[in-house]
């Protein structure tokens, strides 16, 4: 014979202790999907660094003088290039990569692509086109927008320019962010 559950037996049933890993029913949006294991996270972030470079790192590499060990490719249109580009960059619009990359780039030198900014995937498309042609390539996060916003010098059809660093993208009183 089965005894029905009573308030006494329900109260006596221990409540499960929450585990540190999140579940699909987690109320908090950040933990709705559980974080990756440390091994999975390390592999992901290592891979991310293999595919991306940030504006400050590219600027630091170019400022050393001599050969930085990579070339920078601006994948935007001629009108965009004229409006402003990174000094020393090679202008190679994405649509022209298949026919012109071999004349402009050395396959033994890593390439860093950029386009307008975070809202544009032109650098991603250029990186894909170059990778498919056998080039080692990274995409510069932030594109030309963040290059200019961080206060790095750029060239236009009128000459060299530099903006005051945007305090939301670069430290005001330091040479680097310390990342």
C-alpha atoms as a PDB file:
ATOM      1  CA  UNK A   1       0.000   0.000   0.000  1.00  0.00           C
ATOM      2  CA  UNK A   2       1.310   3.442  -0.918  1.00  0.00           C
ATOM      3  CA  UNK A   3       1.201   6.256   1.573  1.00  0.00           C
ATOM      4  CA  UNK A   4       0.291   9.661   0.084  1.00  0.00           C
ATOM      5  CA  UNK A   5       2.855  12.450   0.511  1.00  0.00           C
ATOM      6  CA  UNK A   6       2.017  14.815   3.286  1.00  0.00           C
ATOM      7  CA  UNK A   7       3.298  18.220   4.205  1.00  0.00           C
ATOM      8  CA  UNK A   8       5.554  16.502   6.712  1.00  0.00           C
ATOM      9  CA  UNK A   9       7.132  14.150   4.187  1.00  0.00           C
ATOM     10  CA  UNK A  10       7.530  16.899   1.568  1.00  0.00           C
ATOM     11  CA  UNK A  11       9.213  19.247   4.032  1.00  0.00           C
ATOM     12  CA  UNK A  12      11.539  16.470   5.114  1.00  0.00           C
ATOM     13  CA  UNK A  13      12.727  15.909   1.521  1.00  0.00           C
ATOM     14  CA  UNK A  14      16.040  17.719   1.111  1.00  0.00           C
ATOM     15  CA  UNK A  15      16.248  20.415  -1.574  1.00  0.00           C
ATOM     16  CA  UNK A  16      18.979  19.701  -4.137  1.00  0.00           C
ATOM     17  CA  UNK A  17      22.050  21.894  -3.751  1.00  0.00           C
ATOM     18  CA  UNK A  18      22.701  24.005  -6.874  1.00  0.00           C
ATOM     19  CA  UNK A  19      25.828  23.035  -8.763  1.00  0.00           C
ATOM     20  CA  UNK A  20      28.349  25.639  -9.988  1.00  0.00           C
ATOM     21  CA  UNK A  21      27.621  24.783 -13.614  1.00  0.00           C
ATOM     22  CA  UNK A  22      24.658  26.467 -15.230  1.00  0.00           C
ATOM     23  CA  UNK A  23      21.780  24.656 -16.842  1.00  0.00           C
ATOM     24  CA  UNK A  24      19.388  25.481 -19.616  1.00  0.00           C
ATOM     25  CA  UNK A  25      16.894  26.603 -16.973  1.00  0.00           C
ATOM     26  CA  UNK A  26      19.254  29.107 -15.332  1.00  0.00           C
ATOM     27  CA  UNK A  27      17.491  32.408 -14.718  1.00  0.00           C
ATOM     28  CA  UNK A  28      20.626  34.452 -15.385  1.00  0.00           C
ATOM     29  CA  UNK A  29      21.277  35.134 -19.105  1.00  0.00           C
ATOM     30  CA  UNK A  30      25.068  35.022 -18.714  1.00  0.00           C
ATOM     31  CA  UNK A  31      24.969  31.506 -17.340  1.00  0.00           C
ATOM     32  CA  UNK A  32      22.020  30.194 -19.362  1.00  0.00           C
ATOM     33  CA  UNK A  33      24.658  28.258 -21.288  1.00  0.00           C
ATOM     34  CA  UNK A  34      27.389  26.948 -19.024  1.00  0.00           C
ATOM     35  CA  UNK A  35      30.922  28.295 -19.525  1.00  0.00           C
ATOM     36  CA  UNK A  36      33.316  26.033 -21.389  1.00  0.00           C
ATOM     37  CA  UNK A  37      35.788  23.937 -19.506  1.00  0.00           C
ATOM     38  CA  UNK A  38      39.197  25.568 -19.003  1.00  0.00           C
ATOM     39  CA  UNK A  39      40.717  23.279 -21.658  1.00  0.00           C
ATOM     40  CA  UNK A  40      37.972  24.136 -24.171  1.00  0.00           C
ATOM     41  CA  UNK A  41      38.270  27.848 -23.350  1.00  0.00           C
ATOM     42  CA  UNK A  42      42.060  27.830 -23.778  1.00  0.00           C
ATOM     43  CA  UNK A  43      41.737  26.140 -27.190  1.00  0.00           C
ATOM     44  CA  UNK A  44      39.088  28.649 -28.300  1.00  0.00           C
ATOM     45  CA  UNK A  45      40.999  31.747 -27.211  1.00  0.00           C
ATOM     46  CA  UNK A  46      44.286  30.416 -28.635  1.00  0.00           C
ATOM     47  CA  UNK A  47      42.506  29.905 -31.956  1.00  0.00           C
ATOM     48  CA  UNK A  48      40.990  33.391 -31.769  1.00  0.00           C
ATOM     49  CA  UNK A  49      44.447  34.913 -31.372  1.00  0.00           C
ATOM     50  CA  UNK A  50      45.632  32.904 -34.379  1.00  0.00           C
ATOM     51  CA  UNK A  51      42.932  34.558 -36.502  1.00  0.00           C
ATOM     52  CA  UNK A  52      42.802  38.098 -35.082  1.00  0.00           C
ATOM     53  CA  UNK A  53      45.087  40.988 -34.168  1.00  0.00           C
ATOM     54  CA  UNK A  54      43.958  44.157 -32.487  1.00  0.00           C
ATOM     55  CA  UNK A  55      44.654  47.698 -33.640  1.00  0.00           C
ATOM     56  CA  UNK A  56      47.132  48.445 -30.850  1.00  0.00           C
ATOM     57  CA  UNK A  57      49.186  45.326 -31.566  1.00  0.00           C
ATOM     58  CA  UNK A  58      49.309  46.100 -35.293  1.00  0.00           C
ATOM     59  CA  UNK A  59      50.348  49.703 -34.535  1.00  0.00           C
ATOM     60  CA  UNK A  60      53.047  48.486 -32.141  1.00  0.00           C
ATOM     61  CA  UNK A  61      54.377  46.068 -34.760  1.00  0.00           C
ATOM     62  CA  UNK A  62      54.506  48.766 -37.422  1.00  0.00           C
ATOM     63  CA  UNK A  63      56.106  51.355 -35.132  1.00  0.00           C
ATOM     64  CA  UNK A  64      59.189  49.268 -34.338  1.00  0.00           C
ATOM     65  CA  UNK A  65      60.822  50.280 -37.596  1.00  0.00           C
ATOM     66  CA  UNK A  66      62.213  47.938 -40.165  1.00  0.00           C
ATOM     67  CA  UNK A  67      60.360  44.788 -41.123  1.00  0.00           C
ATOM     68  CA  UNK A  68      57.484  44.035 -38.727  1.00  0.00           C
ATOM     69  CA  UNK A  69      57.196  40.479 -40.070  1.00  0.00           C
ATOM     70  CA  UNK A  70      53.749  41.053 -41.597  1.00  0.00           C
ATOM     71  CA  UNK A  71      52.023  43.229 -44.198  1.00  0.00           C
ATOM     72  CA  UNK A  72      48.774  45.124 -43.770  1.00  0.00           C
ATOM     73  CA  UNK A  73      46.110  44.963 -46.490  1.00  0.00           C
ATOM     74  CA  UNK A  74      43.285  47.486 -46.761  1.00  0.00           C
ATOM     75  CA  UNK A  75      40.435  45.607 -48.446  1.00  0.00           C
ATOM     76  CA  UNK A  76      38.168  48.644 -49.027  1.00  0.00           C
ATOM     77  CA  UNK A  77      37.308  50.607 -52.171  1.00  0.00           C
ATOM     78  CA  UNK A  78      39.527  53.306 -53.665  1.00  0.00           C
ATOM     79  CA  UNK A  79      37.183  56.004 -52.332  1.00  0.00           C
ATOM     80  CA  UNK A  80      37.504  54.563 -48.823  1.00  0.00           C
ATOM     81  CA  UNK A  81      41.288  54.248 -49.179  1.00  0.00           C
ATOM     82  CA  UNK A  82      41.521  57.912 -50.210  1.00  0.00           C
ATOM     83  CA  UNK A  83      39.436  58.931 -47.198  1.00  0.00           C
ATOM     84  CA  UNK A  84      42.007  57.352 -44.881  1.00  0.00           C
ATOM     85  CA  UNK A  85      44.235  54.297 -44.557  1.00  0.00           C
ATOM     86  CA  UNK A  86      47.024  52.911 -42.390  1.00  0.00           C
ATOM     87  CA  UNK A  87      50.454  54.208 -43.479  1.00  0.00           C
ATOM     88  CA  UNK A  88      52.344  51.477 -45.301  1.00  0.00           C
ATOM     89  CA  UNK A  89      49.221  49.381 -45.956  1.00  0.00           C
ATOM     90  CA  UNK A  90      48.737  47.746 -49.337  1.00  0.00           C
ATOM     91  CA  UNK A  91      45.499  48.673 -51.064  1.00  0.00           C
ATOM     92  CA  UNK A  92      43.874  45.497 -52.341  1.00  0.00           C
ATOM     93  CA  UNK A  93      40.078  45.570 -52.506  1.00  0.00           C
ATOM     94  CA  UNK A  94      38.536  42.186 -51.763  1.00  0.00           C
ATOM     95  CA  UNK A  95      37.097  41.794 -55.271  1.00  0.00           C
ATOM     96  CA  UNK A  96      40.595  42.154 -56.765  1.00  0.00           C
ATOM     97  CA  UNK A  97      42.375  39.657 -54.499  1.00  0.00           C
ATOM     98  CA  UNK A  98      42.134  36.665 -56.872  1.00  0.00           C
ATOM     99  CA  UNK A  99      43.753  38.545 -59.750  1.00  0.00           C
ATOM    100  CA  UNK A 100      46.207  40.851 -57.928  1.00  0.00           C
ATOM    101  CA  UNK A 101      47.324  39.192 -54.683  1.00  0.00           C
ATOM    102  CA  UNK A 102      50.172  37.287 -56.295  1.00  0.00           C
ATOM    103  CA  UNK A 103      51.679  40.490 -57.739  1.00  0.00           C
ATOM    104  CA  UNK A 104      51.369  42.458 -54.482  1.00  0.00           C
ATOM    105  CA  UNK A 105      51.962  39.923 -51.701  1.00  0.00           C
ATOM    106  CA  UNK A 106      54.603  37.377 -50.736  1.00  0.00           C
ATOM    107  CA  UNK A 107      53.070  34.083 -49.537  1.00  0.00           C
ATOM    108  CA  UNK A 108      55.843  33.687 -46.959  1.00  0.00           C
ATOM    109  CA  UNK A 109      54.842  36.915 -45.152  1.00  0.00           C
ATOM    110  CA  UNK A 110      51.735  36.893 -42.915  1.00  0.00           C
ATOM    111  CA  UNK A 111      48.976  39.298 -43.953  1.00  0.00           C
ATOM    112  CA  UNK A 112      46.757  41.391 -41.658  1.00  0.00           C
ATOM    113  CA  UNK A 113      43.521  42.521 -43.328  1.00  0.00           C
ATOM    114  CA  UNK A 114      41.270  45.401 -42.344  1.00  0.00           C
ATOM    115  CA  UNK A 115      38.172  47.187 -43.578  1.00  0.00           C
ATOM    116  CA  UNK A 116      36.058  50.028 -42.128  1.00  0.00           C
ATOM    117  CA  UNK A 117      35.278  48.749 -38.659  1.00  0.00           C
ATOM    118  CA  UNK A 118      33.475  46.268 -36.457  1.00  0.00           C
ATOM    119  CA  UNK A 119      30.238  46.671 -38.415  1.00  0.00           C
ATOM    120  CA  UNK A 120      31.892  45.606 -41.671  1.00  0.00           C
ATOM    121  CA  UNK A 121      32.924  42.067 -42.579  1.00  0.00           C
ATOM    122  CA  UNK A 122      35.043  43.116 -45.555  1.00  0.00           C
ATOM    123  CA  UNK A 123      38.266  42.207 -43.738  1.00  0.00           C
ATOM    124  CA  UNK A 124      36.829  38.763 -43.002  1.00  0.00           C
ATOM    125  CA  UNK A 125      35.972  38.232 -46.669  1.00  0.00           C
ATOM    126  CA  UNK A 126      39.440  39.444 -47.689  1.00  0.00           C
ATOM    127  CA  UNK A 127      41.095  37.152 -45.141  1.00  0.00           C
ATOM    128  CA  UNK A 128      39.084  34.209 -46.454  1.00  0.00           C
ATOM    129  CA  UNK A 129      40.024  34.993 -50.066  1.00  0.00           C
ATOM    130  CA  UNK A 130      43.707  35.250 -49.148  1.00  0.00           C
ATOM    131  CA  UNK A 131      43.657  32.064 -47.052  1.00  0.00           C
ATOM    132  CA  UNK A 132      42.068  30.207 -49.954  1.00  0.00           C
ATOM    133  CA  UNK A 133      44.990  31.384 -52.117  1.00  0.00           C
ATOM    134  CA  UNK A 134      47.515  29.998 -49.630  1.00  0.00           C
ATOM    135  CA  UNK A 135      48.374  33.088 -47.541  1.00  0.00           C
ATOM    136  CA  UNK A 136      48.718  33.071 -43.756  1.00  0.00           C
ATOM    137  CA  UNK A 137      46.327  35.759 -42.621  1.00  0.00           C
ATOM    138  CA  UNK A 138      44.841  37.523 -39.607  1.00  0.00           C
ATOM    139  CA  UNK A 139      42.019  40.023 -39.417  1.00  0.00           C
ATOM    140  CA  UNK A 140      42.573  43.321 -37.577  1.00  0.00           C
ATOM    141  CA  UNK A 141      39.767  43.788 -35.072  1.00  0.00           C
ATOM    142  CA  UNK A 142      38.159  47.224 -35.161  1.00  0.00           C
ATOM    143  CA  UNK A 143      39.307  48.080 -38.675  1.00  0.00           C
ATOM    144  CA  UNK A 144      40.160  51.580 -39.816  1.00  0.00           C
ATOM    145  CA  UNK A 145      37.549  53.055 -37.463  1.00  0.00           C
ATOM    146  CA  UNK A 146      39.383  51.901 -34.353  1.00  0.00           C
ATOM    147  CA  UNK A 147      42.777  52.737 -35.865  1.00  0.00           C
ATOM    148  CA  UNK A 148      41.640  56.364 -36.148  1.00  0.00           C
ATOM    149  CA  UNK A 149      39.698  56.356 -32.857  1.00  0.00           C
ATOM    150  CA  UNK A 150      42.750  55.116 -30.942  1.00  0.00           C
ATOM    151  CA  UNK A 151      44.705  58.100 -32.237  1.00  0.00           C
ATOM    152  CA  UNK A 152      47.089  56.371 -34.635  1.00  0.00           C
ATOM    153  CA  UNK A 153      48.348  58.322 -37.622  1.00  0.00           C
ATOM    154  CA  UNK A 154      46.695  57.643 -40.956  1.00  0.00           C
ATOM    155  CA  UNK A 155      47.046  58.863 -44.528  1.00  0.00           C
ATOM    156  CA  UNK A 156      44.401  60.453 -46.733  1.00  0.00           C
ATOM    157  CA  UNK A 157      44.557  61.818 -50.264  1.00  0.00           C
ATOM    158  CA  UNK A 158      45.415  65.163 -48.573  1.00  0.00           C
ATOM    159  CA  UNK A 159      48.297  63.837 -46.443  1.00  0.00           C
ATOM    160  CA  UNK A 160      48.839  62.456 -42.942  1.00  0.00           C
ATOM    161  CA  UNK A 161      46.357  63.008 -40.132  1.00  0.00           C
ATOM    162  CA  UNK A 162      45.853  61.958 -36.534  1.00  0.00           C
ATOM    163  CA  UNK A 163      42.775  62.243 -34.320  1.00  0.00           C
ATOM    164  CA  UNK A 164      42.750  62.774 -30.578  1.00  0.00           C
ATOM    165  CA  UNK A 165      42.343  59.314 -29.008  1.00  0.00           C
ATOM    166  CA  UNK A 166      38.785  58.445 -28.050  1.00  0.00           C
ATOM    167  CA  UNK A 167      38.825  57.748 -24.279  1.00  0.00           C
ATOM    168  CA  UNK A 168      36.340  54.908 -24.843  1.00  0.00           C
ATOM    169  CA  UNK A 169      38.810  53.028 -27.048  1.00  0.00           C
ATOM    170  CA  UNK A 170      42.281  54.013 -25.838  1.00  0.00           C
ATOM    171  CA  UNK A 171      43.867  55.164 -22.579  1.00  0.00           C
ATOM    172  CA  UNK A 172      44.218  58.915 -22.379  1.00  0.00           C
ATOM    173  CA  UNK A 173      47.416  59.068 -20.313  1.00  0.00           C
ATOM    174  CA  UNK A 174      49.280  55.887 -21.301  1.00  0.00           C
ATOM    175  CA  UNK A 175      51.002  54.444 -24.344  1.00  0.00           C
ATOM    176  CA  UNK A 176      48.973  51.227 -24.184  1.00  0.00           C
ATOM    177  CA  UNK A 177      46.001  49.733 -22.377  1.00  0.00           C
ATOM    178  CA  UNK A 178      48.055  47.117 -20.562  1.00  0.00           C
ATOM    179  CA  UNK A 179      46.148  44.220 -22.095  1.00  0.00           C
END
